[in-house]
Amino acid sequence: MGSAKALELRALLGVAIKLRAYASVTDDLSDIELFLSAALALEDRANRLAFGAPEPAPEHQKVDILC
């Protein structure tokens, strides 16, 4: 099971590296944005796969302050 997870991490990060390389050689701003946003999404997925989903932020109670 751990080996499959490692292979998936490697594949996700490999594609993200390629997308960043494509972004660095293109001149079209919309393509750069697309490549970088896709790379970030893949890197985020790899991070969640490696370390688990982040804990949700605790909800804060609203406080009325009267001055």
PDB file of N, CA and C in Angstrom:
ATOM      1  N   MET A   1       0.823  -1.196   0.000  1.00  0.00           N
ATOM      2  CA  MET A   1       0.000   0.000   0.000  1.00  0.00           C
ATOM      3  C   MET A   1       0.864   1.255   0.000  1.00  0.00           C
ATOM      4  N   GLY A   2       1.918   1.285   0.806  1.00  0.00           N
ATOM      5  CA  GLY A   2       2.806   2.435   0.862  1.00  0.00           C
ATOM      6  C   GLY A   2       3.510   2.668  -0.456  1.00  0.00           C
ATOM      7  N   SER A   3       3.820   1.593  -1.164  1.00  0.00           N
ATOM      8  CA  SER A   3       4.503   1.704  -2.442  1.00  0.00           C
ATOM      9  C   SER A   3       3.609   2.367  -3.489  1.00  0.00           C
ATOM     10  N   ALA A   4       2.334   2.032  -3.493  1.00  0.00           N
ATOM     11  CA  ALA A   4       1.398   2.649  -4.432  1.00  0.00           C
ATOM     12  C   ALA A   4       1.256   4.142  -4.149  1.00  0.00           C
ATOM     13  N   LYS A   5       1.244   4.497  -2.871  1.00  0.00           N
ATOM     14  CA  LYS A   5       1.146   5.900  -2.480  1.00  0.00           C
ATOM     15  C   LYS A   5       2.382   6.663  -2.940  1.00  0.00           C
ATOM     16  N   ALA A   6       3.549   6.052  -2.794  1.00  0.00           N
ATOM     17  CA  ALA A   6       4.788   6.691  -3.228  1.00  0.00           C
ATOM     18  C   ALA A   6       4.800   6.886  -4.742  1.00  0.00           C
ATOM     19  N   LEU A   7       4.301   5.897  -5.475  1.00  0.00           N
ATOM     20  CA  LEU A   7       4.247   6.019  -6.929  1.00  0.00           C
ATOM     21  C   LEU A   7       3.291   7.131  -7.355  1.00  0.00           C
ATOM     22  N   GLU A   8       2.173   7.233  -6.668  1.00  0.00           N
ATOM     23  CA  GLU A   8       1.221   8.292  -6.997  1.00  0.00           C
ATOM     24  C   GLU A   8       1.804   9.665  -6.687  1.00  0.00           C
ATOM     25  N   LEU A   9       2.491   9.784  -5.555  1.00  0.00           N
ATOM     26  CA  LEU A   9       3.145  11.054  -5.212  1.00  0.00           C
ATOM     27  C   LEU A   9       4.167  11.432  -6.279  1.00  0.00           C
ATOM     28  N   ARG A  10       4.962  10.467  -6.676  1.00  0.00           N
ATOM     29  CA  ARG A  10       5.986  10.714  -7.683  1.00  0.00           C
ATOM     30  C   ARG A  10       5.357  11.147  -9.006  1.00  0.00           C
ATOM     31  N   ALA A  11       4.277  10.494  -9.399  1.00  0.00           N
ATOM     32  CA  ALA A  11       3.599  10.842 -10.654  1.00  0.00           C
ATOM     33  C   ALA A  11       2.996  12.247 -10.580  1.00  0.00           C
ATOM     34  N   LEU A  12       2.342  12.569  -9.474  1.00  0.00           N
ATOM     35  CA  LEU A  12       1.739  13.896  -9.317  1.00  0.00           C
ATOM     36  C   LEU A  12       2.801  14.986  -9.390  1.00  0.00           C
ATOM     37  N   LEU A  13       3.893  14.790  -8.669  1.00  0.00           N
ATOM     38  CA  LEU A  13       4.929  15.811  -8.652  1.00  0.00           C
ATOM     39  C   LEU A  13       5.681  15.874  -9.981  1.00  0.00           C
ATOM     40  N   GLY A  14       5.800  14.752 -10.668  1.00  0.00           N
ATOM     41  CA  GLY A  14       6.435  14.752 -11.981  1.00  0.00           C
ATOM     42  C   GLY A  14       5.657  15.584 -12.990  1.00  0.00           C
ATOM     43  N   VAL A  15       4.348  15.448 -12.978  1.00  0.00           N
ATOM     44  CA  VAL A  15       3.507  16.234 -13.886  1.00  0.00           C
ATOM     45  C   VAL A  15       3.560  17.709 -13.497  1.00  0.00           C
ATOM     46  N   ALA A  16       3.566  18.002 -12.196  1.00  0.00           N
ATOM     47  CA  ALA A  16       3.647  19.388 -11.745  1.00  0.00           C
ATOM     48  C   ALA A  16       4.957  20.032 -12.209  1.00  0.00           C
ATOM     49  N   ILE A  17       6.047  19.294 -12.164  1.00  0.00           N
ATOM     50  CA  ILE A  17       7.338  19.816 -12.628  1.00  0.00           C
ATOM     51  C   ILE A  17       7.280  20.122 -14.125  1.00  0.00           C
ATOM     52  N   LYS A  18       6.681  19.229 -14.890  1.00  0.00           N
ATOM     53  CA  LYS A  18       6.561  19.451 -16.334  1.00  0.00           C
ATOM     54  C   LYS A  18       5.700  20.673 -16.635  1.00  0.00           C
ATOM     55  N   LEU A  19       4.604  20.836 -15.887  1.00  0.00           N
ATOM     56  CA  LEU A  19       3.742  21.991 -16.098  1.00  0.00           C
ATOM     57  C   LEU A  19       4.474  23.291 -15.784  1.00  0.00           C
ATOM     58  N   ARG A  20       5.269  23.303 -14.731  1.00  0.00           N
ATOM     59  CA  ARG A  20       6.058  24.497 -14.398  1.00  0.00           C
ATOM     60  C   ARG A  20       7.092  24.789 -15.482  1.00  0.00           C
ATOM     61  N   ALA A  21       7.676  23.742 -16.046  1.00  0.00           N
ATOM     62  CA  ALA A  21       8.639  23.928 -17.140  1.00  0.00           C
ATOM     63  C   ALA A  21       7.942  24.512 -18.373  1.00  0.00           C
ATOM     64  N   TYR A  22       6.758  24.007 -18.693  1.00  0.00           N
ATOM     65  CA  TYR A  22       6.003  24.551 -19.824  1.00  0.00           C
ATOM     66  C   TYR A  22       5.676  26.029 -19.592  1.00  0.00           C
ATOM     67  N   ALA A  23       5.313  26.361 -18.368  1.00  0.00           N
ATOM     68  CA  ALA A  23       4.975  27.747 -18.047  1.00  0.00           C
ATOM     69  C   ALA A  23       6.182  28.664 -18.219  1.00  0.00           C
ATOM     70  N   SER A  24       7.372  28.154 -17.966  1.00  0.00           N
ATOM     71  CA  SER A  24       8.562  28.998 -18.055  1.00  0.00           C
ATOM     72  C   SER A  24       9.009  29.246 -19.487  1.00  0.00           C
ATOM     73  N   VAL A  25       8.532  28.454 -20.452  1.00  0.00           N
ATOM     74  CA  VAL A  25       8.974  28.633 -21.832  1.00  0.00           C
ATOM     75  C   VAL A  25       7.905  29.225 -22.747  1.00  0.00           C
ATOM     76  N   THR A  26       6.708  29.426 -22.253  1.00  0.00           N
ATOM     77  CA  THR A  26       5.649  29.985 -23.091  1.00  0.00           C
ATOM     78  C   THR A  26       5.543  31.484 -22.867  1.00  0.00           C
ATOM     79  N   ASP A  27       5.030  32.185 -23.869  1.00  0.00           N
ATOM     80  CA  ASP A  27       4.855  33.633 -23.776  1.00  0.00           C
ATOM     81  C   ASP A  27       3.403  34.036 -23.560  1.00  0.00           C
ATOM     82  N   ASP A  28       2.487  33.105 -23.725  1.00  0.00           N
ATOM     83  CA  ASP A  28       1.060  33.395 -23.594  1.00  0.00           C
ATOM     84  C   ASP A  28       0.682  33.411 -22.109  1.00  0.00           C
ATOM     85  N   LEU A  29       0.239  34.566 -21.629  1.00  0.00           N
ATOM     86  CA  LEU A  29      -0.077  34.712 -20.205  1.00  0.00           C
ATOM     87  C   LEU A  29      -1.193  33.782 -19.747  1.00  0.00           C
ATOM     88  N   SER A  30      -2.179  33.538 -20.606  1.00  0.00           N
ATOM     89  CA  SER A  30      -3.268  32.642 -20.200  1.00  0.00           C
ATOM     90  C   SER A  30      -2.759  31.206 -20.067  1.00  0.00           C
ATOM     91  N   ASP A  31      -1.822  30.808 -20.927  1.00  0.00           N
ATOM     92  CA  ASP A  31      -1.232  29.473 -20.801  1.00  0.00           C
ATOM     93  C   ASP A  31      -0.386  29.363 -19.538  1.00  0.00           C
ATOM     94  N   ILE A  32       0.377  30.421 -19.247  1.00  0.00           N
ATOM     95  CA  ILE A  32       1.198  30.425 -18.028  1.00  0.00           C
ATOM     96  C   ILE A  32       0.311  30.259 -16.805  1.00  0.00           C
ATOM     97  N   GLU A  33      -0.779  31.028 -16.761  1.00  0.00           N
ATOM     98  CA  GLU A  33      -1.717  30.940 -15.637  1.00  0.00           C
ATOM     99  C   GLU A  33      -2.312  29.537 -15.524  1.00  0.00           C
ATOM    100  N   LEU A  34      -2.680  28.965 -16.648  1.00  0.00           N
ATOM    101  CA  LEU A  34      -3.266  27.628 -16.663  1.00  0.00           C
ATOM    102  C   LEU A  34      -2.257  26.582 -16.167  1.00  0.00           C
ATOM    103  N   PHE A  35      -1.035  26.628 -16.701  1.00  0.00           N
ATOM    104  CA  PHE A  35      -0.009  25.661 -16.307  1.00  0.00           C
ATOM    105  C   PHE A  35       0.314  25.774 -14.818  1.00  0.00           C
ATOM    106  N   LEU A  36       0.473  27.013 -14.333  1.00  0.00           N
ATOM    107  CA  LEU A  36       0.843  27.185 -12.930  1.00  0.00           C
ATOM    108  C   LEU A  36      -0.291  26.816 -11.977  1.00  0.00           C
ATOM    109  N   SER A  37      -1.520  27.138 -12.355  1.00  0.00           N
ATOM    110  CA  SER A  37      -2.634  26.770 -11.479  1.00  0.00           C
ATOM    111  C   SER A  37      -2.815  25.255 -11.433  1.00  0.00           C
ATOM    112  N   ALA A  38      -2.602  24.588 -12.556  1.00  0.00           N
ATOM    113  CA  ALA A  38      -2.686  23.125 -12.575  1.00  0.00           C
ATOM    114  C   ALA A  38      -1.553  22.515 -11.744  1.00  0.00           C
ATOM    115  N   ALA A  39      -0.357  23.083 -11.856  1.00  0.00           N
ATOM    116  CA  ALA A  39       0.781  22.592 -11.065  1.00  0.00           C
ATOM    117  C   ALA A  39       0.511  22.758  -9.572  1.00  0.00           C
ATOM    118  N   LEU A  40      -0.032  23.904  -9.184  1.00  0.00           N
ATOM    119  CA  LEU A  40      -0.358  24.131  -7.774  1.00  0.00           C
ATOM    120  C   LEU A  40      -1.404  23.147  -7.273  1.00  0.00           C
ATOM    121  N   ALA A  41      -2.397  22.865  -8.103  1.00  0.00           N
ATOM    122  CA  ALA A  41      -3.434  21.909  -7.707  1.00  0.00           C
ATOM    123  C   ALA A  41      -2.837  20.517  -7.512  1.00  0.00           C
ATOM    124  N   LEU A  42      -1.941  20.111  -8.407  1.00  0.00           N
ATOM    125  CA  LEU A  42      -1.306  18.799  -8.273  1.00  0.00           C
ATOM    126  C   LEU A  42      -0.399  18.745  -7.041  1.00  0.00           C
ATOM    127  N   GLU A  43       0.321  19.828  -6.786  1.00  0.00           N
ATOM    128  CA  GLU A  43       1.184  19.876  -5.601  1.00  0.00           C
ATOM    129  C   GLU A  43       0.359  19.842  -4.317  1.00  0.00           C
ATOM    130  N   ASP A  44      -0.783  20.519  -4.336  1.00  0.00           N
ATOM    131  CA  ASP A  44      -1.674  20.476  -3.178  1.00  0.00           C
ATOM    132  C   ASP A  44      -2.212  19.065  -2.964  1.00  0.00           C
ATOM    133  N   ARG A  45      -2.585  18.402  -4.038  1.00  0.00           N
ATOM    134  CA  ARG A  45      -3.072  17.012  -3.952  1.00  0.00           C
ATOM    135  C   ARG A  45      -1.982  16.101  -3.397  1.00  0.00           C
ATOM    136  N   ALA A  46      -0.750  16.286  -3.857  1.00  0.00           N
ATOM    137  CA  ALA A  46       0.360  15.477  -3.366  1.00  0.00           C
ATOM    138  C   ALA A  46       0.603  15.742  -1.882  1.00  0.00           C
ATOM    139  N   ASN A  47       0.485  16.993  -1.472  1.00  0.00           N
ATOM    140  CA  ASN A  47       0.661  17.335  -0.058  1.00  0.00           C
ATOM    141  C   ASN A  47      -0.411  16.681   0.805  1.00  0.00           C
ATOM    142  N   ARG A  48      -1.646  16.719   0.341  1.00  0.00           N
ATOM    143  CA  ARG A  48      -2.736  16.079   1.087  1.00  0.00           C
ATOM    144  C   ARG A  48      -2.559  14.561   1.139  1.00  0.00           C
ATOM    145  N   LEU A  49      -2.069  13.993   0.054  1.00  0.00           N
ATOM    146  CA  LEU A  49      -1.826  12.552   0.018  1.00  0.00           C
ATOM    147  C   LEU A  49      -0.707  12.167   0.987  1.00  0.00           C
ATOM    148  N   ALA A  50       0.323  12.992   1.053  1.00  0.00           N
ATOM    149  CA  ALA A  50       1.477  12.688   1.904  1.00  0.00           C
ATOM    150  C   ALA A  50       1.190  12.933   3.381  1.00  0.00           C
ATOM    151  N   PHE A  51       0.510  14.038   3.684  1.00  0.00           N
ATOM    152  CA  PHE A  51       0.353  14.443   5.080  1.00  0.00           C
ATOM    153  C   PHE A  51      -1.075  14.423   5.578  1.00  0.00           C
ATOM    154  N   GLY A  52      -2.020  14.084   4.737  1.00  0.00           N
ATOM    155  CA  GLY A  52      -3.425  14.085   5.139  1.00  0.00           C
ATOM    156  C   GLY A  52      -4.021  15.468   4.972  1.00  0.00           C
ATOM    157  N   ALA A  53      -5.312  15.526   5.017  1.00  0.00           N
ATOM    158  CA  ALA A  53      -6.016  16.804   4.883  1.00  0.00           C
ATOM    159  C   ALA A  53      -5.779  17.647   6.133  1.00  0.00           C
ATOM    160  N   PRO A  54      -5.653  18.960   5.957  1.00  0.00           N
ATOM    161  CA  PRO A  54      -5.455  19.817   7.123  1.00  0.00           C
ATOM    162  C   PRO A  54      -6.685  19.829   8.022  1.00  0.00           C
ATOM    163  N   GLU A  55      -6.448  20.049   9.282  1.00  0.00           N
ATOM    164  CA  GLU A  55      -7.549  20.144  10.229  1.00  0.00           C
ATOM    165  C   GLU A  55      -8.365  21.396   9.927  1.00  0.00           C
ATOM    166  N   PRO A  56      -9.677  21.300  10.014  1.00  0.00           N
ATOM    167  CA  PRO A  56     -10.479  22.508   9.774  1.00  0.00           C
ATOM    168  C   PRO A  56     -10.229  23.536  10.875  1.00  0.00           C
ATOM    169  N   ALA A  57     -10.271  24.796  10.490  1.00  0.00           N
ATOM    170  CA  ALA A  57     -10.062  25.875  11.458  1.00  0.00           C
ATOM    171  C   ALA A  57     -11.218  25.881  12.458  1.00  0.00           C
ATOM    172  N   PRO A  58     -10.914  26.105  13.715  1.00  0.00           N
ATOM    173  CA  PRO A  58     -11.993  26.143  14.709  1.00  0.00           C
ATOM    174  C   PRO A  58     -12.893  27.348  14.460  1.00  0.00           C
ATOM    175  N   GLU A  59     -14.163  27.144  14.694  1.00  0.00           N
ATOM    176  CA  GLU A  59     -15.099  28.248  14.511  1.00  0.00           C
ATOM    177  C   GLU A  59     -15.014  29.179  15.707  1.00  0.00           C
ATOM    178  N   HIS A  60     -14.993  30.462  15.402  1.00  0.00           N
ATOM    179  CA  HIS A  60     -14.906  31.463  16.459  1.00  0.00           C
ATOM    180  C   HIS A  60     -16.303  31.980  16.774  1.00  0.00           C
ATOM    181  N   GLN A  61     -16.517  32.216  18.036  1.00  0.00           N
ATOM    182  CA  GLN A  61     -17.796  32.778  18.428  1.00  0.00           C
ATOM    183  C   GLN A  61     -17.766  34.290  18.197  1.00  0.00           C
ATOM    184  N   LYS A  62     -18.870  34.817  17.716  1.00  0.00           N
ATOM    185  CA  LYS A  62     -18.958  36.248  17.517  1.00  0.00           C
ATOM    186  C   LYS A  62     -19.129  36.925  18.863  1.00  0.00           C
ATOM    187  N   VAL A  63     -18.417  38.004  19.047  1.00  0.00           N
ATOM    188  CA  VAL A  63     -18.484  38.747  20.307  1.00  0.00           C
ATOM    189  C   VAL A  63     -18.885  40.171  19.987  1.00  0.00           C
ATOM    190  N   ASP A  64     -19.901  40.654  20.677  1.00  0.00           N
ATOM    191  CA  ASP A  64     -20.318  42.039  20.520  1.00  0.00           C
ATOM    192  C   ASP A  64     -19.539  42.881  21.533  1.00  0.00           C
ATOM    193  N   ILE A  65     -18.873  43.891  21.018  1.00  0.00           N
ATOM    194  CA  ILE A  65     -18.107  44.780  21.897  1.00  0.00           C
ATOM    195  C   ILE A  65     -18.789  46.141  21.891  1.00  0.00           C
ATOM    196  N   LEU A  66     -19.183  46.579  23.045  1.00  0.00           N
ATOM    197  CA  LEU A  66     -19.815  47.886  23.193  1.00  0.00           C
ATOM    198  C   LEU A  66     -18.799  48.843  23.792  1.00  0.00           C
ATOM    199  N   CYS A  67     -18.658  49.977  23.159  1.00  0.00           N
ATOM    200  CA  CYS A  67     -17.706  50.982  23.663  1.00  0.00           C
ATOM    201  C   CYS A  67     -18.442  52.159  24.209  1.00  0.00           C
TER     202      CYS A  67
END
